[in-house]
């Protein structure tokens, strides 16, 4: 039986598995929910791997209360399959957005980003092992982290250590428009700009105060002026805070800044500009916290793997495979930043990530799992 036929036959099981994962809600900032989600993912994926003669139980790496899962198919990692089990959806989201399969579409919180990708990865590896034996996937590691949606602060070292020395990293994040693979991702920076002044009564003696809110206005404009510079660079002030009460000259004010750029040099330039901000209001001070969070995934890190995907796509039943560049970051930014060949967007085809219309198109599930299996096989055979 071909891999395409084997994975097509697995489609009902894949849909059963993804529903179990979706229905265990997993907001990144809830450690108890995170642990429950890890248990379900370990059980669901482990059962499919065990059926193919591979280890059922993953290693559980718990860092600062966040649970990460790792299945290794050998002593060293030659191919890393990378995903995450945390989501942006708060507990209770299933009430308004239940997991439903209707008219060829799967819906539910986290279905597209990225429960279906996890399931496709496990079934792809299991199908290879079932056909050719466990030795066929020796050197394949599946790593499922628990904090990708909030910056990967507890998992970055783990995934970078796992990727070093690998011949390829395949990231099971959701596909781009029309199923495009993601060969470029912008790098990200996360900053907080804080203005400090002096409080006073806004009605009795406002001139005794130093208004941190007015200082913040100057800094907002300075940061916003960086937005149009560079090739596709975005610098966006987002959430903020000014003062404490309505009748007090604000002593403190702050705002967050989201930075995206396509090159490490551009991220460094923006970092220098933001961390060099100087106060304008007499008596005010400025503090800046934050740094570059993820390096860019540059196309040079994905090009060769994308060429393999183009060659293998027809065998998998994937037609008109395209590539795309996106502004959002993933853990593939970290592995690509190490110089490890990295191809992203191998997960589900659909849309609406993080939104009420999040969905997966079921017709693409088996072909995408087949494409992943073929890519793993190809890299192992031809490093």
Protein backbone atom coordinates (compact mmCIF):
# COMPACT_ATOMS: atom_id res chain seq x y z
CA UNK A 1 0.00 0.00 0.00
CA UNK A 2 1.32 3.44 -0.88
CA UNK A 3 1.79 6.08 1.78
CA UNK A 4 -0.96 8.13 0.18
CA UNK A 5 -3.40 5.20 0.45
CA UNK A 6 -2.29 4.37 3.98
CA UNK A 7 -2.84 7.90 5.21
CA UNK A 8 -6.14 8.23 3.37
CA UNK A 9 -7.27 5.13 5.28
CA UNK A 10 -6.16 6.82 8.50
CA UNK A 11 -8.37 9.89 7.97
CA UNK A 12 -11.21 8.76 10.30
CA UNK A 13 -8.66 8.08 13.05
CA UNK A 14 -7.01 11.45 12.46
CA UNK A 15 -10.34 13.24 12.85
CA UNK A 16 -11.10 11.28 16.01
CA UNK A 17 -7.70 12.22 17.42
CA UNK A 18 -7.91 15.90 16.60
CA UNK A 19 -11.33 16.18 18.20
CA UNK A 20 -9.96 14.79 21.48
CA UNK A 21 -7.13 17.32 21.45
CA UNK A 22 -9.38 20.28 20.60
CA UNK A 23 -11.85 19.40 23.35
CA UNK A 24 -9.13 19.64 26.00
CA UNK A 25 -8.79 23.43 26.18
CA UNK A 26 -5.23 24.66 26.51
CA UNK A 27 -4.75 28.41 27.06
CA UNK A 28 -1.05 29.20 27.34
CA UNK A 29 -1.34 31.11 30.62
CA UNK A 30 -3.20 28.42 32.60
CA UNK A 31 -0.64 25.91 33.90
CA UNK A 32 -3.25 23.39 35.05
CA UNK A 33 -4.96 23.45 31.66
CA UNK A 34 -1.55 23.21 30.03
CA UNK A 35 -0.76 20.06 32.01
CA UNK A 36 -4.12 18.50 31.15
CA UNK A 37 -3.58 19.27 27.49
CA UNK A 38 -0.12 17.68 27.57
CA UNK A 39 -1.65 14.51 29.07
CA UNK A 40 -4.24 14.28 26.31
CA UNK A 41 -1.74 14.97 23.52
CA UNK A 42 0.65 12.39 24.98
CA UNK A 43 -2.11 9.79 25.10
CA UNK A 44 -3.54 10.54 21.64
CA UNK A 45 -0.27 10.76 19.71
CA UNK A 46 1.42 8.06 21.78
CA UNK A 47 -1.29 5.53 20.96
CA UNK A 48 -0.80 6.00 17.20
CA UNK A 49 2.98 5.78 17.47
CA UNK A 50 2.78 2.67 19.67
CA UNK A 51 0.54 0.93 17.13
CA UNK A 52 3.44 1.24 14.67
CA UNK A 53 6.01 -0.16 17.11
CA UNK A 54 7.36 3.18 18.29
CA UNK A 55 7.60 4.44 21.89
CA UNK A 56 4.19 5.26 23.33
CA UNK A 57 5.28 7.46 26.21
CA UNK A 58 7.00 10.74 25.46
CA UNK A 59 9.57 12.40 27.65
CA UNK A 60 7.84 15.10 29.68
CA UNK A 61 9.95 18.19 30.20
CA UNK A 62 8.35 20.59 32.69
CA UNK A 63 9.91 24.06 32.88
CA UNK A 64 8.40 26.73 35.12
CA UNK A 65 5.22 24.68 35.20
CA UNK A 66 4.89 24.41 31.40
CA UNK A 67 4.83 20.89 29.98
CA UNK A 68 6.67 19.96 26.77
CA UNK A 69 6.58 16.51 25.13
CA UNK A 70 9.30 14.74 23.15
CA UNK A 71 9.25 11.43 21.27
CA UNK A 72 12.63 10.31 19.96
CA UNK A 73 13.05 7.64 17.31
CA UNK A 74 16.74 7.16 18.07
CA UNK A 75 19.73 8.42 20.01
CA UNK A 76 20.15 11.55 17.87
CA UNK A 77 17.79 13.82 15.94
CA UNK A 78 18.18 13.87 12.17
CA UNK A 79 14.70 15.19 11.38
CA UNK A 80 12.75 17.31 13.89
CA UNK A 81 8.97 17.62 13.66
CA UNK A 82 7.99 20.68 15.66
CA UNK A 83 4.63 21.74 17.05
CA UNK A 84 2.88 23.12 20.14
CA UNK A 85 -0.16 22.16 22.18
CA UNK A 86 -0.98 25.53 23.77
CA UNK A 87 -3.59 27.85 22.23
CA UNK A 88 -4.72 31.47 22.53
CA UNK A 89 -8.26 30.44 23.46
CA UNK A 90 -9.42 30.94 27.08
CA UNK A 91 -11.20 28.26 29.06
CA UNK A 92 -14.87 28.11 28.13
CA UNK A 93 -14.32 28.88 24.44
CA UNK A 94 -15.80 25.52 23.44
CA UNK A 95 -19.22 26.71 24.60
CA UNK A 96 -19.39 29.31 21.84
CA UNK A 97 -17.10 27.52 19.38
CA UNK A 98 -17.65 23.77 19.74
CA UNK A 99 -15.60 21.21 17.88
CA UNK A 100 -17.77 20.26 14.90
CA UNK A 101 -17.26 18.45 11.60
CA UNK A 102 -19.77 19.56 8.98
CA UNK A 103 -19.73 19.70 5.18
CA UNK A 104 -16.06 18.81 4.95
CA UNK A 105 -14.94 21.43 7.47
CA UNK A 106 -13.58 21.00 10.99
CA UNK A 107 -14.11 23.86 13.45
CA UNK A 108 -13.19 24.47 17.06
CA UNK A 109 -10.69 26.53 19.07
CA UNK A 110 -7.14 25.65 18.08
CA UNK A 111 -8.14 23.26 15.30
CA UNK A 112 -6.10 25.10 12.66
CA UNK A 113 -3.43 26.45 15.01
CA UNK A 114 -2.44 23.74 15.51
CA UNK A 115 -4.17 20.57 16.68
CA UNK A 116 -4.49 19.12 13.20
CA UNK A 117 -0.76 19.58 12.57
CA UNK A 118 0.10 17.52 15.65
CA UNK A 119 -2.15 14.70 14.49
CA UNK A 120 -0.79 14.77 10.93
CA UNK A 121 2.77 14.51 12.30
CA UNK A 122 2.05 11.47 14.46
CA UNK A 123 0.16 9.63 11.73
CA UNK A 124 2.81 10.43 9.10
CA UNK A 125 5.55 8.92 11.26
CA UNK A 126 3.36 5.97 12.24
CA UNK A 127 2.52 5.24 8.59
CA UNK A 128 6.22 5.16 7.68
CA UNK A 129 7.03 2.83 10.57
CA UNK A 130 4.03 0.60 9.87
CA UNK A 131 5.09 0.16 6.25
CA UNK A 132 8.86 -0.18 6.65
CA UNK A 133 9.47 -0.91 10.33
CA UNK A 134 10.57 1.28 13.21
CA UNK A 135 14.10 1.56 11.78
CA UNK A 136 12.62 3.59 8.91
CA UNK A 137 12.08 6.53 11.27
CA UNK A 138 15.22 6.20 13.36
CA UNK A 139 16.46 9.72 13.90
CA UNK A 140 13.00 11.33 13.79
CA UNK A 141 12.01 13.39 16.83
CA UNK A 142 8.57 14.84 17.51
CA UNK A 143 8.71 17.82 19.88
CA UNK A 144 5.48 19.40 21.12
CA UNK A 145 6.00 22.51 23.21
CA UNK A 146 3.58 24.19 25.61
CA UNK A 147 4.23 27.92 25.34
CA UNK A 148 4.68 28.86 21.66
CA UNK A 149 1.76 31.26 21.64
CA UNK A 150 3.34 33.40 24.37
CA UNK A 151 6.89 33.59 23.06
CA UNK A 152 8.40 30.15 23.87
CA UNK A 153 10.30 31.49 26.87
CA UNK A 154 10.48 28.08 28.60
CA UNK A 155 10.91 25.97 25.46
CA UNK A 156 13.36 27.96 23.33
CA UNK A 157 16.49 26.35 24.76
CA UNK A 158 14.94 22.89 24.50
CA UNK A 159 13.92 23.20 20.86
CA UNK A 160 17.19 24.86 19.85
CA UNK A 161 19.20 22.08 21.52
CA UNK A 162 17.06 19.49 19.73
CA UNK A 163 17.46 21.18 16.35
CA UNK A 164 21.25 21.57 16.48
CA UNK A 165 22.77 18.96 14.22
CA UNK A 166 19.46 18.04 12.56
CA UNK A 167 19.36 17.83 8.79
CA UNK A 168 15.86 19.31 8.61
CA UNK A 169 13.13 20.82 10.76
CA UNK A 170 9.52 20.52 9.62
CA UNK A 171 7.13 22.85 11.47
CA UNK A 172 3.52 21.71 11.72
CA UNK A 173 2.06 25.19 12.01
CA UNK A 174 -0.99 25.94 9.87
CA UNK A 175 -0.49 26.42 6.14
CA UNK A 176 -0.62 29.79 4.42
CA UNK A 177 -3.34 30.87 1.97
CA UNK A 178 -4.46 28.07 -0.36
CA UNK A 179 -2.20 25.65 1.51
CA UNK A 180 1.06 27.48 0.79
CA UNK A 181 4.15 26.42 2.71
CA UNK A 182 5.83 29.14 4.72
CA UNK A 183 9.37 29.73 3.53
CA UNK A 184 9.82 33.15 5.17
CA UNK A 185 8.69 34.56 8.48
CA UNK A 186 9.47 37.93 9.93
CA UNK A 187 11.48 38.11 13.12
CA UNK A 188 9.84 39.71 16.12
CA UNK A 189 10.69 42.11 18.91
CA UNK A 190 8.63 42.77 22.04
CA UNK A 191 9.16 45.93 24.09
CA UNK A 192 7.60 47.98 26.85
CA UNK A 193 8.29 51.72 26.96
CA UNK A 194 7.79 53.21 30.44
CA UNK A 195 7.60 56.92 31.28
CA UNK A 196 8.17 58.07 34.86
CA UNK A 197 7.11 61.49 36.17
CA UNK A 198 5.88 62.95 39.47
CA UNK A 199 2.34 62.79 40.81
CA UNK A 200 0.40 65.82 42.03
CA UNK A 201 -3.23 66.89 42.48
CA UNK A 202 -4.63 67.62 39.01
CA UNK A 203 -6.88 70.41 40.31
CA UNK A 204 -4.98 72.03 43.20
CA UNK A 205 -1.40 72.07 41.93
CA UNK A 206 -0.99 70.44 38.52
CA UNK A 207 2.21 72.37 37.83
CA UNK A 208 3.98 70.60 40.70
CA UNK A 209 3.64 67.33 38.83
CA UNK A 210 5.58 65.86 35.93
CA UNK A 211 3.02 64.34 33.60
CA UNK A 212 4.14 60.87 32.53
CA UNK A 213 1.17 60.66 30.16
CA UNK A 214 2.35 63.66 28.16
CA UNK A 215 5.84 62.19 28.03
CA UNK A 216 4.35 58.94 26.82
CA UNK A 217 2.62 60.80 23.97
CA UNK A 218 6.00 62.01 22.72
CA UNK A 219 7.38 58.48 22.88
CA UNK A 220 4.35 57.02 21.10
CA UNK A 221 4.96 59.33 18.17
CA UNK A 222 8.68 58.57 18.16
CA UNK A 223 8.08 54.82 18.09
CA UNK A 224 5.28 55.08 15.51
CA UNK A 225 7.61 57.01 13.19
CA UNK A 226 9.73 53.85 12.86
CA UNK A 227 6.82 51.90 11.36
CA UNK A 228 7.35 52.64 7.66
CA UNK A 229 11.12 52.20 7.62
CA UNK A 230 12.86 49.19 6.15
CA UNK A 231 11.59 46.51 3.80
CA UNK A 232 8.30 45.38 5.30
CA UNK A 233 9.26 46.39 8.82
CA UNK A 234 6.32 47.04 11.16
CA UNK A 235 6.60 48.83 14.51
CA UNK A 236 3.22 48.99 16.23
CA UNK A 237 2.41 50.46 19.67
CA UNK A 238 -0.28 48.21 21.14
CA UNK A 239 -1.62 48.08 24.72
CA UNK A 240 -0.87 50.74 27.30
CA UNK A 241 -1.52 52.33 30.70
CA UNK A 242 -1.56 55.93 31.96
CA UNK A 243 -1.80 57.03 35.59
CA UNK A 244 -3.83 55.81 38.53
CA UNK A 245 -6.83 58.12 39.15
CA UNK A 246 -8.75 60.71 37.15
CA UNK A 247 -7.73 63.62 39.39
CA UNK A 248 -3.99 62.92 39.66
CA UNK A 249 -1.19 64.04 37.37
CA UNK A 250 0.09 60.64 36.21
CA UNK A 251 3.33 59.51 37.76
CA UNK A 252 3.75 56.50 35.46
CA UNK A 253 2.64 55.48 32.00
CA UNK A 254 3.66 52.73 29.61
CA UNK A 255 2.87 51.07 26.31
CA UNK A 256 3.84 47.85 24.56
CA UNK A 257 5.44 47.69 21.12
CA UNK A 258 5.20 44.88 18.57
CA UNK A 259 8.09 44.81 16.06
CA UNK A 260 8.30 42.64 12.92
CA UNK A 261 11.14 42.67 10.38
CA UNK A 262 12.47 40.43 7.63
CA UNK A 263 16.15 40.50 8.52
CA UNK A 264 18.32 40.33 11.62
CA UNK A 265 19.97 43.62 10.62
CA UNK A 266 16.63 45.42 10.51
CA UNK A 267 15.60 44.00 13.88
CA UNK A 268 18.89 45.23 15.32
CA UNK A 269 18.35 48.71 13.86
CA UNK A 270 14.88 49.00 15.40
CA UNK A 271 16.17 47.64 18.71
CA UNK A 272 18.80 50.37 18.82
CA UNK A 273 16.24 53.05 18.01
CA UNK A 274 13.76 51.95 20.68
CA UNK A 275 16.33 51.42 23.43
CA UNK A 276 17.82 54.86 22.68
CA UNK A 277 14.60 56.79 23.31
CA UNK A 278 15.22 59.94 25.36
CA UNK A 279 12.74 61.95 27.45
CA UNK A 280 11.28 65.19 26.11
CA UNK A 281 9.36 66.49 29.14
CA UNK A 282 11.55 68.22 31.76
CA UNK A 283 11.82 66.03 34.85
CA UNK A 284 10.55 62.87 33.14
CA UNK A 285 12.56 59.70 32.64
CA UNK A 286 12.23 56.83 30.17
CA UNK A 287 12.88 53.13 30.68
CA UNK A 288 12.66 50.49 27.95
CA UNK A 289 12.35 46.76 28.59
CA UNK A 290 12.38 44.00 25.97
CA UNK A 291 14.45 42.68 23.12
CA UNK A 292 14.31 40.71 19.91
CA UNK A 293 12.09 37.72 20.64
CA UNK A 294 12.53 35.63 17.52
CA UNK A 295 15.02 35.96 14.65
CA UNK A 296 13.58 35.94 11.13
CA UNK A 297 13.13 32.71 9.20
CA UNK A 298 14.90 33.69 5.99
CA UNK A 299 14.08 31.97 2.71
CA UNK A 300 17.61 30.63 2.35
CA UNK A 301 16.84 28.29 5.28
CA UNK A 302 13.75 26.87 3.57
CA UNK A 303 14.52 26.96 -0.16
CA UNK A 304 16.07 23.50 -0.57
CA UNK A 305 13.37 21.79 1.50
CA UNK A 306 10.66 23.60 -0.45
CA UNK A 307 12.17 22.26 -3.70
CA UNK A 308 11.89 18.75 -2.25
CA UNK A 309 8.28 19.45 -1.33
CA UNK A 310 7.50 20.60 -4.87
CA UNK A 311 8.96 17.38 -6.25
CA UNK A 312 7.07 15.14 -3.81
CA UNK A 313 3.73 16.99 -3.78
CA UNK A 314 2.20 15.24 -6.81
CA UNK A 315 2.93 11.84 -5.25
CA UNK A 316 1.11 12.99 -2.12
CA UNK A 317 -1.89 14.23 -4.07
CA UNK A 318 -1.09 17.86 -3.27
CA UNK A 319 -1.69 20.05 -6.31
CA UNK A 320 -0.40 23.53 -7.12
CA UNK A 321 1.84 23.79 -4.07
CA UNK A 322 2.94 27.38 -3.42
CA UNK A 323 5.18 29.18 -0.95
CA UNK A 324 4.55 32.36 1.00
CA UNK A 325 6.13 34.86 3.35
CA UNK A 326 4.20 35.84 6.49
CA UNK A 327 4.48 38.41 9.26
CA UNK A 328 3.67 36.02 12.08
CA UNK A 329 6.47 34.16 13.82
CA UNK A 330 6.76 30.54 14.96
CA UNK A 331 9.31 28.28 16.62
CA UNK A 332 10.68 27.74 13.12
CA UNK A 333 12.20 31.20 13.45
CA UNK A 334 14.45 29.85 16.19
CA UNK A 335 15.60 26.79 14.26
CA UNK A 336 16.12 28.75 11.05
CA UNK A 337 18.04 31.33 13.06
CA UNK A 338 20.46 28.55 14.05
CA UNK A 339 21.17 27.86 10.39
CA UNK A 340 19.20 24.58 10.37
CA UNK A 341 17.13 23.99 7.19
CA UNK A 342 13.53 24.68 8.23
CA UNK A 343 10.25 24.40 6.34
CA UNK A 344 7.09 25.76 7.98
CA UNK A 345 3.36 25.63 7.36
CA UNK A 346 3.13 21.85 6.91
CA UNK A 347 0.06 21.60 9.11
CA UNK A 348 -3.60 22.01 8.27
CA UNK A 349 -5.15 23.85 5.33
CA UNK A 350 -7.92 26.24 6.30
CA UNK A 351 -8.02 29.64 7.92
CA UNK A 352 -9.14 31.86 10.76
CA UNK A 353 -6.28 31.23 13.18
CA UNK A 354 -7.03 32.86 16.57
CA UNK A 355 -10.44 33.98 15.25
CA UNK A 356 -14.06 32.91 15.58
CA UNK A 357 -14.01 31.36 12.07
CA UNK A 358 -10.98 29.12 12.71
CA UNK A 359 -11.38 26.01 10.56
CA UNK A 360 -9.65 23.15 8.73
CA UNK A 361 -10.57 21.81 5.29
CA UNK A 362 -10.74 18.06 5.78
CA UNK A 363 -10.01 17.12 2.16
CA UNK A 364 -6.41 18.26 2.65
CA UNK A 365 -5.66 16.41 5.90
CA UNK A 366 -4.52 13.08 4.46
CA UNK A 367 -2.57 14.55 1.50
CA UNK A 368 -0.70 16.93 3.82
CA UNK A 369 0.17 14.08 6.18
CA UNK A 370 1.39 12.13 3.16
CA UNK A 371 3.55 15.03 2.00
CA UNK A 372 5.15 15.20 5.45
CA UNK A 373 5.81 11.45 5.47
CA UNK A 374 7.42 11.65 2.03
CA UNK A 375 9.58 14.59 3.09
CA UNK A 376 10.79 12.75 6.19
CA UNK A 377 11.56 9.66 4.14
CA UNK A 378 13.37 11.70 1.50
CA UNK A 379 15.58 13.58 3.97
CA UNK A 380 16.50 10.41 5.84
CA UNK A 381 17.44 8.71 2.56
CA UNK A 382 19.13 11.72 0.96
CA UNK A 383 20.48 14.12 3.62
